[in-house]
Amino acid sequence: MATVEKTLTNEEYHAHRATSHSTLEMFRRSRKLYHAIHVARTMDRPEPTAAMQLGTHVHCAVLEPERFEAEYVYAPKCDRRTTAGKAAYAEFCAATAGKTVIDAEQYDLVRSITRAVMAHRRASFLVEMAEAYEQSIFWTDQPTGIECKSRRDLVLPEFLGDLKTCRDASPEGFARAAASLGYFRQAAFYMDGHKATGGNDVQFIFIAVCTEPPFELGCYELDEAALKLGRTQNAADMKTLKQCRESGDWQDRHERDVVTISLPKWAQFQDEYRSE
């Protein structure tokens, strides 16, 4: 069954056991890790990195500014080694119970990144004109019967938007990130999910904003070749995931056989410019 959940919280979305792009990426990297976390449940999800936490804070500030104002606070500067400092911090904690506390420096950074997004003509248009933010959808992948989910940052009549924080927002830098982090598979996954839940053909736009001054920003769309490759790889991963679920065998090829590997191309040239 395909559904659009307009009021599902982020926590409720992540608790749902349907397959997301991020869990499919985990399966692609390591079948055993996926099995341990999502099937056997013998391992907890990895703790978010500092970069991931910053991205979460920026998402909230840009896409849900009212919630950011209500739920985020920055910690006061006080020396908690002293009696006065301990008392001040205890008072702060009591007054802000249930809220997300970040340090003042990161709070200012989130604000600066948010201003950069909203000052960008194309990015601010996508944010301001969106019909829905942080919207969850669920559907069944027809070839495999696997239940899937995605949580779209921005939904517009002709676009899906995804906000990414990054270290390099230039076209070259974001293209490298799109390849290494699987963003081309994400775009294909989200677009296919949109169609499966009754949506029309849409463009998928990444809003990429650098997390360091001067907060360079770009809006990017992947070409058809990238999306085709993403769909091909997603389909293969979904097929393999189904096979693993049915067989109970979560070993990858390199765990069963001796695999011939090649050196990366750069290894051929590492000595080229060394003096004799």
C-alpha atoms as a PDB file:
ATOM      1  CA  MET A   1       0.000   0.000   0.000  1.00  0.00           C
ATOM      2  CA  ALA A   2       1.270   3.479  -0.897  1.00  0.00           C
ATOM      3  CA  THR A   3       0.684   6.220   1.643  1.00  0.00           C
ATOM      4  CA  VAL A   4       1.661   9.825   2.297  1.00  0.00           C
ATOM      5  CA  GLU A   5       2.019  10.625   6.005  1.00  0.00           C
ATOM      6  CA  LYS A   6       1.771  14.374   6.497  1.00  0.00           C
ATOM      7  CA  THR A   7       2.091  14.484  10.280  1.00  0.00           C
ATOM      8  CA  LEU A   8       4.619  11.745  11.034  1.00  0.00           C
ATOM      9  CA  THR A   9       7.475  12.965  13.230  1.00  0.00           C
ATOM     10  CA  ASN A  10      11.109  12.322  12.366  1.00  0.00           C
ATOM     11  CA  GLU A  11      11.386   9.887  15.283  1.00  0.00           C
ATOM     12  CA  GLU A  12       8.292   7.953  14.168  1.00  0.00           C
ATOM     13  CA  TYR A  13       9.604   7.806  10.622  1.00  0.00           C
ATOM     14  CA  HIS A  14      12.975   6.386  11.642  1.00  0.00           C
ATOM     15  CA  ALA A  15      11.314   3.848  13.938  1.00  0.00           C
ATOM     16  CA  HIS A  16       9.325   2.394  11.032  1.00  0.00           C
ATOM     17  CA  ARG A  17      10.960  -0.781   9.705  1.00  0.00           C
ATOM     18  CA  ALA A  18      10.422  -0.079   5.991  1.00  0.00           C
ATOM     19  CA  THR A  19      13.550   0.154   3.821  1.00  0.00           C
ATOM     20  CA  SER A  20      14.858   3.675   3.255  1.00  0.00           C
ATOM     21  CA  HIS A  21      17.580   4.948   0.963  1.00  0.00           C
ATOM     22  CA  SER A  22      19.981   5.210   3.898  1.00  0.00           C
ATOM     23  CA  THR A  23      19.345   1.620   5.049  1.00  0.00           C
ATOM     24  CA  LEU A  24      19.711   0.384   1.466  1.00  0.00           C
ATOM     25  CA  GLU A  25      23.045   2.225   1.303  1.00  0.00           C
ATOM     26  CA  MET A  26      24.099   0.456   4.506  1.00  0.00           C
ATOM     27  CA  PHE A  27      23.158  -2.884   2.956  1.00  0.00           C
ATOM     28  CA  ARG A  28      25.185  -1.961  -0.132  1.00  0.00           C
ATOM     29  CA  ARG A  29      28.276  -1.250   1.994  1.00  0.00           C
ATOM     30  CA  SER A  30      27.955  -4.201   4.366  1.00  0.00           C
ATOM     31  CA  ARG A  31      25.312  -6.906   4.361  1.00  0.00           C
ATOM     32  CA  LYS A  32      26.430  -8.120   7.773  1.00  0.00           C
ATOM     33  CA  LEU A  33      26.189  -4.658   9.323  1.00  0.00           C
ATOM     34  CA  TYR A  34      22.693  -4.237   7.877  1.00  0.00           C
ATOM     35  CA  HIS A  35      21.709  -7.643   9.244  1.00  0.00           C
ATOM     36  CA  ALA A  36      23.104  -6.912  12.702  1.00  0.00           C
ATOM     37  CA  ILE A  37      21.310  -3.560  13.010  1.00  0.00           C
ATOM     38  CA  HIS A  38      18.062  -4.070  11.097  1.00  0.00           C
ATOM     39  CA  VAL A  39      17.381  -7.829  11.218  1.00  0.00           C
ATOM     40  CA  ALA A  40      19.068  -9.519  14.179  1.00  0.00           C
ATOM     41  CA  ARG A  41      19.095  -6.253  16.133  1.00  0.00           C
ATOM     42  CA  THR A  42      22.312  -7.242  17.900  1.00  0.00           C
ATOM     43  CA  MET A  43      23.841  -3.823  17.223  1.00  0.00           C
ATOM     44  CA  ASP A  44      22.555  -0.298  17.718  1.00  0.00           C
ATOM     45  CA  ARG A  45      22.468   2.262  14.941  1.00  0.00           C
ATOM     46  CA  PRO A  46      25.756   4.162  14.677  1.00  0.00           C
ATOM     47  CA  GLU A  47      25.829   7.418  16.600  1.00  0.00           C
ATOM     48  CA  PRO A  48      25.524  10.427  14.279  1.00  0.00           C
ATOM     49  CA  THR A  49      28.780  12.174  13.470  1.00  0.00           C
ATOM     50  CA  ALA A  50      29.326  15.863  14.214  1.00  0.00           C
ATOM     51  CA  ALA A  51      28.716  16.637  10.536  1.00  0.00           C
ATOM     52  CA  MET A  52      25.463  14.683  10.580  1.00  0.00           C
ATOM     53  CA  GLN A  53      24.304  16.459  13.737  1.00  0.00           C
ATOM     54  CA  LEU A  54      25.049  19.833  12.165  1.00  0.00           C
ATOM     55  CA  GLY A  55      23.056  18.801   9.092  1.00  0.00           C
ATOM     56  CA  THR A  56      20.104  17.867  11.296  1.00  0.00           C
ATOM     57  CA  HIS A  57      20.219  21.233  13.067  1.00  0.00           C
ATOM     58  CA  VAL A  58      20.389  23.106   9.736  1.00  0.00           C
ATOM     59  CA  HIS A  59      17.464  21.108   8.350  1.00  0.00           C
ATOM     60  CA  CYS A  60      15.328  22.125  11.295  1.00  0.00           C
ATOM     61  CA  ALA A  61      16.363  25.798  11.140  1.00  0.00           C
ATOM     62  CA  VAL A  62      15.745  26.094   7.386  1.00  0.00           C
ATOM     63  CA  LEU A  63      12.723  23.858   6.894  1.00  0.00           C
ATOM     64  CA  GLU A  64      10.991  24.171  10.268  1.00  0.00           C
ATOM     65  CA  PRO A  65      12.073  27.546  11.684  1.00  0.00           C
ATOM     66  CA  GLU A  66       9.245  27.719  14.217  1.00  0.00           C
ATOM     67  CA  ARG A  67      10.211  24.340  15.652  1.00  0.00           C
ATOM     68  CA  PHE A  68      13.853  25.394  15.728  1.00  0.00           C
ATOM     69  CA  GLU A  69      12.966  28.495  17.738  1.00  0.00           C
ATOM     70  CA  ALA A  70      10.827  26.465  20.126  1.00  0.00           C
ATOM     71  CA  GLU A  71      13.059  23.436  20.615  1.00  0.00           C
ATOM     72  CA  TYR A  72      16.662  24.581  20.223  1.00  0.00           C
ATOM     73  CA  VAL A  73      18.663  26.524  22.779  1.00  0.00           C
ATOM     74  CA  TYR A  74      22.339  27.205  23.239  1.00  0.00           C
ATOM     75  CA  ALA A  75      24.146  26.514  26.464  1.00  0.00           C
ATOM     76  CA  PRO A  76      25.367  29.456  28.524  1.00  0.00           C
ATOM     77  CA  LYS A  77      29.076  29.938  29.011  1.00  0.00           C
ATOM     78  CA  CYS A  78      29.801  29.074  32.620  1.00  0.00           C
ATOM     79  CA  ASP A  79      32.574  27.300  34.460  1.00  0.00           C
ATOM     80  CA  ARG A  80      30.936  24.132  35.739  1.00  0.00           C
ATOM     81  CA  ARG A  81      33.967  23.411  37.895  1.00  0.00           C
ATOM     82  CA  THR A  82      32.855  26.177  40.262  1.00  0.00           C
ATOM     83  CA  THR A  83      29.876  26.191  42.608  1.00  0.00           C
ATOM     84  CA  ALA A  84      28.342  29.211  40.874  1.00  0.00           C
ATOM     85  CA  GLY A  85      28.879  27.679  37.464  1.00  0.00           C
ATOM     86  CA  LYS A  86      27.288  24.399  38.482  1.00  0.00           C
ATOM     87  CA  ALA A  87      24.292  26.239  39.907  1.00  0.00           C
ATOM     88  CA  ALA A  88      23.886  28.363  36.768  1.00  0.00           C
ATOM     89  CA  TYR A  89      24.047  25.343  34.512  1.00  0.00           C
ATOM     90  CA  ALA A  90      21.605  23.367  36.671  1.00  0.00           C
ATOM     91  CA  GLU A  91      19.171  26.264  36.497  1.00  0.00           C
ATOM     92  CA  PHE A  92      19.583  26.382  32.701  1.00  0.00           C
ATOM     93  CA  CYS A  93      18.940  22.622  32.379  1.00  0.00           C
ATOM     94  CA  ALA A  94      15.806  22.835  34.515  1.00  0.00           C
ATOM     95  CA  ALA A  95      14.457  25.716  32.426  1.00  0.00           C
ATOM     96  CA  THR A  96      15.157  23.992  29.098  1.00  0.00           C
ATOM     97  CA  ALA A  97      14.163  20.396  29.890  1.00  0.00           C
ATOM     98  CA  GLY A  98      13.175  18.508  26.735  1.00  0.00           C
ATOM     99  CA  LYS A  99      14.880  20.954  24.389  1.00  0.00           C
ATOM    100  CA  THR A 100      17.891  20.349  22.135  1.00  0.00           C
ATOM    101  CA  VAL A 101      20.931  22.048  23.621  1.00  0.00           C
ATOM    102  CA  ILE A 102      23.848  23.009  21.379  1.00  0.00           C
ATOM    103  CA  ASP A 103      26.788  25.244  22.135  1.00  0.00           C
ATOM    104  CA  ALA A 104      26.651  28.928  21.238  1.00  0.00           C
ATOM    105  CA  GLU A 105      29.262  28.596  18.495  1.00  0.00           C
ATOM    106  CA  GLN A 106      27.310  25.910  16.661  1.00  0.00           C
ATOM    107  CA  TYR A 107      24.053  27.799  17.197  1.00  0.00           C
ATOM    108  CA  ASP A 108      25.578  30.821  15.471  1.00  0.00           C
ATOM    109  CA  LEU A 109      26.903  28.574  12.684  1.00  0.00           C
ATOM    110  CA  VAL A 110      23.446  27.118  12.067  1.00  0.00           C
ATOM    111  CA  ARG A 111      22.044  30.636  11.913  1.00  0.00           C
ATOM    112  CA  SER A 112      24.708  31.717   9.418  1.00  0.00           C
ATOM    113  CA  ILE A 113      24.080  28.728   7.164  1.00  0.00           C
ATOM    114  CA  THR A 114      20.336  29.360   7.312  1.00  0.00           C
ATOM    115  CA  ARG A 115      20.814  32.984   6.274  1.00  0.00           C
ATOM    116  CA  ALA A 116      22.958  31.842   3.340  1.00  0.00           C
ATOM    117  CA  VAL A 117      20.213  29.485   2.139  1.00  0.00           C
ATOM    118  CA  MET A 118      17.496  32.105   2.431  1.00  0.00           C
ATOM    119  CA  ALA A 119      19.633  34.735   0.695  1.00  0.00           C
ATOM    120  CA  HIS A 120      20.066  32.513  -2.361  1.00  0.00           C
ATOM    121  CA  ARG A 121      17.445  33.274  -5.009  1.00  0.00           C
ATOM    122  CA  ARG A 122      16.788  29.723  -6.223  1.00  0.00           C
ATOM    123  CA  ALA A 123      17.190  27.990  -2.873  1.00  0.00           C
ATOM    124  CA  SER A 124      14.911  30.412  -1.029  1.00  0.00           C
ATOM    125  CA  PHE A 125      12.292  30.021  -3.779  1.00  0.00           C
ATOM    126  CA  LEU A 126      12.238  26.254  -3.291  1.00  0.00           C
ATOM    127  CA  VAL A 127      12.025  26.615   0.499  1.00  0.00           C
ATOM    128  CA  GLU A 128       9.351  29.312   0.507  1.00  0.00           C
ATOM    129  CA  MET A 129       7.157  27.802  -2.218  1.00  0.00           C
ATOM    130  CA  ALA A 130       7.183  24.214  -0.919  1.00  0.00           C
ATOM    131  CA  GLU A 131       3.795  22.674  -0.220  1.00  0.00           C
ATOM    132  CA  ALA A 132       5.206  20.246   2.352  1.00  0.00           C
ATOM    133  CA  TYR A 133       8.331  19.898   4.469  1.00  0.00           C
ATOM    134  CA  GLU A 134       9.837  16.755   5.992  1.00  0.00           C
ATOM    135  CA  GLN A 135       7.025  14.633   4.520  1.00  0.00           C
ATOM    136  CA  SER A 136       7.144  10.848   4.877  1.00  0.00           C
ATOM    137  CA  ILE A 137       5.871   8.427   2.250  1.00  0.00           C
ATOM    138  CA  PHE A 138       5.612   4.618   2.173  1.00  0.00           C
ATOM    139  CA  TRP A 139       5.237   2.290  -0.788  1.00  0.00           C
ATOM    140  CA  THR A 140       5.873  -1.273  -1.911  1.00  0.00           C
ATOM    141  CA  ASP A 141       8.626  -1.987  -4.404  1.00  0.00           C
ATOM    142  CA  GLN A 142       6.759  -4.005  -7.026  1.00  0.00           C
ATOM    143  CA  PRO A 143       9.584  -6.279  -8.277  1.00  0.00           C
ATOM    144  CA  THR A 144      10.549  -7.417  -4.767  1.00  0.00           C
ATOM    145  CA  GLY A 145       7.530  -6.747  -2.556  1.00  0.00           C
ATOM    146  CA  ILE A 146       9.773  -4.896  -0.078  1.00  0.00           C
ATOM    147  CA  GLU A 147       8.133  -2.030   1.819  1.00  0.00           C
ATOM    148  CA  CYS A 148      10.018   1.225   1.250  1.00  0.00           C
ATOM    149  CA  LYS A 149       9.964   4.693   2.739  1.00  0.00           C
ATOM    150  CA  SER A 150      11.441   8.140   2.210  1.00  0.00           C
ATOM    151  CA  ARG A 151      11.226  11.482   3.967  1.00  0.00           C
ATOM    152  CA  ARG A 152      11.290  14.365   1.509  1.00  0.00           C
ATOM    153  CA  ASP A 153      12.739  17.695   2.641  1.00  0.00           C
ATOM    154  CA  LEU A 154      10.733  19.806   0.201  1.00  0.00           C
ATOM    155  CA  VAL A 155       7.728  18.914  -1.957  1.00  0.00           C
ATOM    156  CA  LEU A 156       6.598  21.243  -4.747  1.00  0.00           C
ATOM    157  CA  PRO A 157       4.249  20.532  -7.696  1.00  0.00           C
ATOM    158  CA  GLU A 158       7.141  20.065 -10.121  1.00  0.00           C
ATOM    159  CA  PHE A 159      10.099  19.515  -7.786  1.00  0.00           C
ATOM    160  CA  LEU A 160      11.386  17.484  -4.893  1.00  0.00           C
ATOM    161  CA  GLY A 161      14.082  19.312  -2.952  1.00  0.00           C
ATOM    162  CA  ASP A 162      16.792  17.953  -0.691  1.00  0.00           C
ATOM    163  CA  LEU A 163      18.961  20.123   1.537  1.00  0.00           C
ATOM    164  CA  LYS A 164      22.563  18.972   1.916  1.00  0.00           C
ATOM    165  CA  THR A 165      25.274  20.469   4.077  1.00  0.00           C
ATOM    166  CA  CYS A 166      28.720  19.842   2.636  1.00  0.00           C
ATOM    167  CA  ARG A 167      32.371  20.896   2.694  1.00  0.00           C
ATOM    168  CA  ASP A 168      32.482  21.845  -0.993  1.00  0.00           C
ATOM    169  CA  ALA A 169      29.395  23.261  -2.704  1.00  0.00           C
ATOM    170  CA  SER A 170      31.082  23.857  -6.060  1.00  0.00           C
ATOM    171  CA  PRO A 171      29.783  21.839  -9.041  1.00  0.00           C
ATOM    172  CA  GLU A 172      32.933  19.705  -9.052  1.00  0.00           C
ATOM    173  CA  GLY A 173      32.877  19.188  -5.297  1.00  0.00           C
ATOM    174  CA  PHE A 174      29.210  18.273  -5.113  1.00  0.00           C
ATOM    175  CA  ALA A 175      29.522  15.943  -8.114  1.00  0.00           C
ATOM    176  CA  ARG A 176      32.230  14.058  -6.207  1.00  0.00           C
ATOM    177  CA  ALA A 177      29.984  13.891  -3.138  1.00  0.00           C
ATOM    178  CA  ALA A 178      27.043  12.721  -5.233  1.00  0.00           C
ATOM    179  CA  ALA A 179      29.163   9.848  -6.549  1.00  0.00           C
ATOM    180  CA  SER A 180      30.903   8.848  -3.317  1.00  0.00           C
ATOM    181  CA  LEU A 181      27.879   9.222  -1.025  1.00  0.00           C
ATOM    182  CA  GLY A 182      25.302   7.732  -3.380  1.00  0.00           C
ATOM    183  CA  TYR A 183      23.209  10.850  -3.905  1.00  0.00           C
ATOM    184  CA  PHE A 184      22.411   9.695  -7.443  1.00  0.00           C
ATOM    185  CA  ARG A 185      20.840   6.560  -5.969  1.00  0.00           C
ATOM    186  CA  GLN A 186      18.953   8.685  -3.436  1.00  0.00           C
ATOM    187  CA  ALA A 187      17.477  10.915  -6.140  1.00  0.00           C
ATOM    188  CA  ALA A 188      16.294   7.901  -8.141  1.00  0.00           C
ATOM    189  CA  PHE A 189      14.884   6.235  -4.997  1.00  0.00           C
ATOM    190  CA  TYR A 190      12.949   9.349  -3.974  1.00  0.00           C
ATOM    191  CA  MET A 191      11.622  10.051  -7.468  1.00  0.00           C
ATOM    192  CA  ASP A 192      10.433   6.464  -7.870  1.00  0.00           C
ATOM    193  CA  GLY A 193       8.777   6.598  -4.448  1.00  0.00           C
ATOM    194  CA  HIS A 194       7.039   9.818  -5.420  1.00  0.00           C
ATOM    195  CA  LYS A 195       5.586   8.141  -8.533  1.00  0.00           C
ATOM    196  CA  ALA A 196       4.584   5.057  -6.545  1.00  0.00           C
ATOM    197  CA  THR A 197       2.517   7.205  -4.144  1.00  0.00           C
ATOM    198  CA  GLY A 198       0.582   8.884  -6.960  1.00  0.00           C
ATOM    199  CA  GLY A 199       2.917  11.768  -7.728  1.00  0.00           C
ATOM    200  CA  ASN A 200       3.702  13.127 -11.153  1.00  0.00           C
ATOM    201  CA  ASP A 201       7.062  13.314 -12.889  1.00  0.00           C
ATOM    202  CA  VAL A 202       9.189  15.789 -10.957  1.00  0.00           C
ATOM    203  CA  GLN A 203      12.706  17.169 -10.959  1.00  0.00           C
ATOM    204  CA  PHE A 204      14.929  16.378  -7.985  1.00  0.00           C
ATOM    205  CA  ILE A 205      16.932  19.398  -6.858  1.00  0.00           C
ATOM    206  CA  PHE A 206      19.743  19.303  -4.323  1.00  0.00           C
ATOM    207  CA  ILE A 207      20.370  22.469  -2.320  1.00  0.00           C
ATOM    208  CA  ALA A 208      24.039  22.122  -1.366  1.00  0.00           C
ATOM    209  CA  VAL A 209      25.364  24.596   1.187  1.00  0.00           C
ATOM    210  CA  CYS A 210      28.910  24.718   2.516  1.00  0.00           C
ATOM    211  CA  THR A 211      29.260  24.655   6.304  1.00  0.00           C
ATOM    212  CA  GLU A 212      32.237  27.024   6.342  1.00  0.00           C
ATOM    213  CA  PRO A 213      32.388  30.744   5.509  1.00  0.00           C
ATOM    214  CA  PRO A 214      31.530  32.245   3.089  1.00  0.00           C
ATOM    215  CA  PHE A 215      28.845  29.505   2.955  1.00  0.00           C
ATOM    216  CA  GLU A 216      28.914  28.943  -0.794  1.00  0.00           C
ATOM    217  CA  LEU A 217      25.698  27.415  -2.092  1.00  0.00           C
ATOM    218  CA  GLY A 218      24.553  25.729  -5.296  1.00  0.00           C
ATOM    219  CA  CYS A 219      21.373  24.088  -6.582  1.00  0.00           C
ATOM    220  CA  TYR A 220      22.006  20.922  -8.588  1.00  0.00           C
ATOM    221  CA  GLU A 221      20.079  18.427 -10.663  1.00  0.00           C
ATOM    222  CA  LEU A 222      21.596  15.119 -11.740  1.00  0.00           C
ATOM    223  CA  ASP A 223      21.511  14.246 -15.433  1.00  0.00           C
ATOM    224  CA  GLU A 224      19.576  11.320 -16.894  1.00  0.00           C
ATOM    225  CA  ALA A 225      22.663   9.097 -17.060  1.00  0.00           C
ATOM    226  CA  ALA A 226      23.205   9.487 -13.303  1.00  0.00           C
ATOM    227  CA  LEU A 227      19.548   8.788 -12.504  1.00  0.00           C
ATOM    228  CA  LYS A 228      19.515   5.746 -14.791  1.00  0.00           C
ATOM    229  CA  LEU A 229      22.592   4.374 -13.039  1.00  0.00           C
ATOM    230  CA  GLY A 230      20.970   5.070  -9.680  1.00  0.00           C
ATOM    231  CA  ARG A 231      17.822   3.149 -10.635  1.00  0.00           C
ATOM    232  CA  THR A 232      19.871   0.239 -11.971  1.00  0.00           C
ATOM    233  CA  GLN A 233      21.932  -0.014  -8.795  1.00  0.00           C
ATOM    234  CA  ASN A 234      18.891   0.417  -6.539  1.00  0.00           C
ATOM    235  CA  ALA A 235      17.057  -2.368  -8.373  1.00  0.00           C
ATOM    236  CA  ALA A 236      20.050  -4.686  -8.044  1.00  0.00           C
ATOM    237  CA  ASP A 237      20.413  -3.905  -4.331  1.00  0.00           C
ATOM    238  CA  MET A 238      16.706  -4.474  -3.694  1.00  0.00           C
ATOM    239  CA  LYS A 239      16.852  -7.816  -5.520  1.00  0.00           C
ATOM    240  CA  THR A 240      19.875  -8.891  -3.478  1.00  0.00           C
ATOM    241  CA  LEU A 241      18.235  -7.719  -0.237  1.00  0.00           C
ATOM    242  CA  LYS A 242      15.209  -9.884  -1.022  1.00  0.00           C
ATOM    243  CA  GLN A 243      17.476 -12.864  -1.706  1.00  0.00           C
ATOM    244  CA  CYS A 244      19.290 -12.366   1.593  1.00  0.00           C
ATOM    245  CA  ARG A 245      16.023 -12.152   3.508  1.00  0.00           C
ATOM    246  CA  GLU A 246      14.688 -15.303   1.899  1.00  0.00           C
ATOM    247  CA  SER A 247      17.886 -17.360   2.132  1.00  0.00           C
ATOM    248  CA  GLY A 248      19.143 -16.117   5.485  1.00  0.00           C
ATOM    249  CA  ASP A 249      22.605 -15.831   3.940  1.00  0.00           C
ATOM    250  CA  TRP A 250      24.027 -12.359   4.595  1.00  0.00           C
ATOM    251  CA  GLN A 251      27.558 -12.990   3.368  1.00  0.00           C
ATOM    252  CA  ASP A 252      28.947 -10.905   0.538  1.00  0.00           C
ATOM    253  CA  ARG A 253      31.086 -12.482  -2.179  1.00  0.00           C
ATOM    254  CA  HIS A 254      34.385 -11.441  -0.595  1.00  0.00           C
ATOM    255  CA  GLU A 255      33.416 -13.307   2.574  1.00  0.00           C
ATOM    256  CA  ARG A 256      32.916 -16.572   0.665  1.00  0.00           C
ATOM    257  CA  ASP A 257      35.485 -16.499  -2.136  1.00  0.00           C
ATOM    258  CA  VAL A 258      38.923 -15.204  -3.041  1.00  0.00           C
ATOM    259  CA  VAL A 259      38.260 -12.047  -5.027  1.00  0.00           C
ATOM    260  CA  THR A 260      40.693 -10.543  -7.517  1.00  0.00           C
ATOM    261  CA  ILE A 261      41.095  -6.799  -6.983  1.00  0.00           C
ATOM    262  CA  SER A 262      42.866  -4.027  -8.890  1.00  0.00           C
ATOM    263  CA  LEU A 263      44.784  -1.040  -7.596  1.00  0.00           C
ATOM    264  CA  PRO A 264      43.115   2.361  -7.982  1.00  0.00           C
ATOM    265  CA  LYS A 265      44.123   4.280 -11.116  1.00  0.00           C
ATOM    266  CA  TRP A 266      46.117   6.860  -9.158  1.00  0.00           C
ATOM    267  CA  ALA A 267      48.540   4.139  -8.026  1.00  0.00           C
ATOM    268  CA  GLN A 268      49.915   3.906 -11.569  1.00  0.00           C
ATOM    269  CA  PHE A 269      51.065   7.510 -11.456  1.00  0.00           C
ATOM    270  CA  GLN A 270      52.322   7.915  -7.887  1.00  0.00           C
ATOM    271  CA  ASP A 271      55.980   7.630  -8.962  1.00  0.00           C
ATOM    272  CA  GLU A 272      55.687   9.504 -12.256  1.00  0.00           C
ATOM    273  CA  TYR A 273      57.149  12.794 -11.006  1.00  0.00           C
ATOM    274  CA  ARG A 274      59.755  11.437  -8.625  1.00  0.00           C
ATOM    275  CA  SER A 275      63.335  12.232  -9.542  1.00  0.00           C
ATOM    276  CA  GLU A 276      65.530   9.352 -10.603  1.00  0.00           C
END
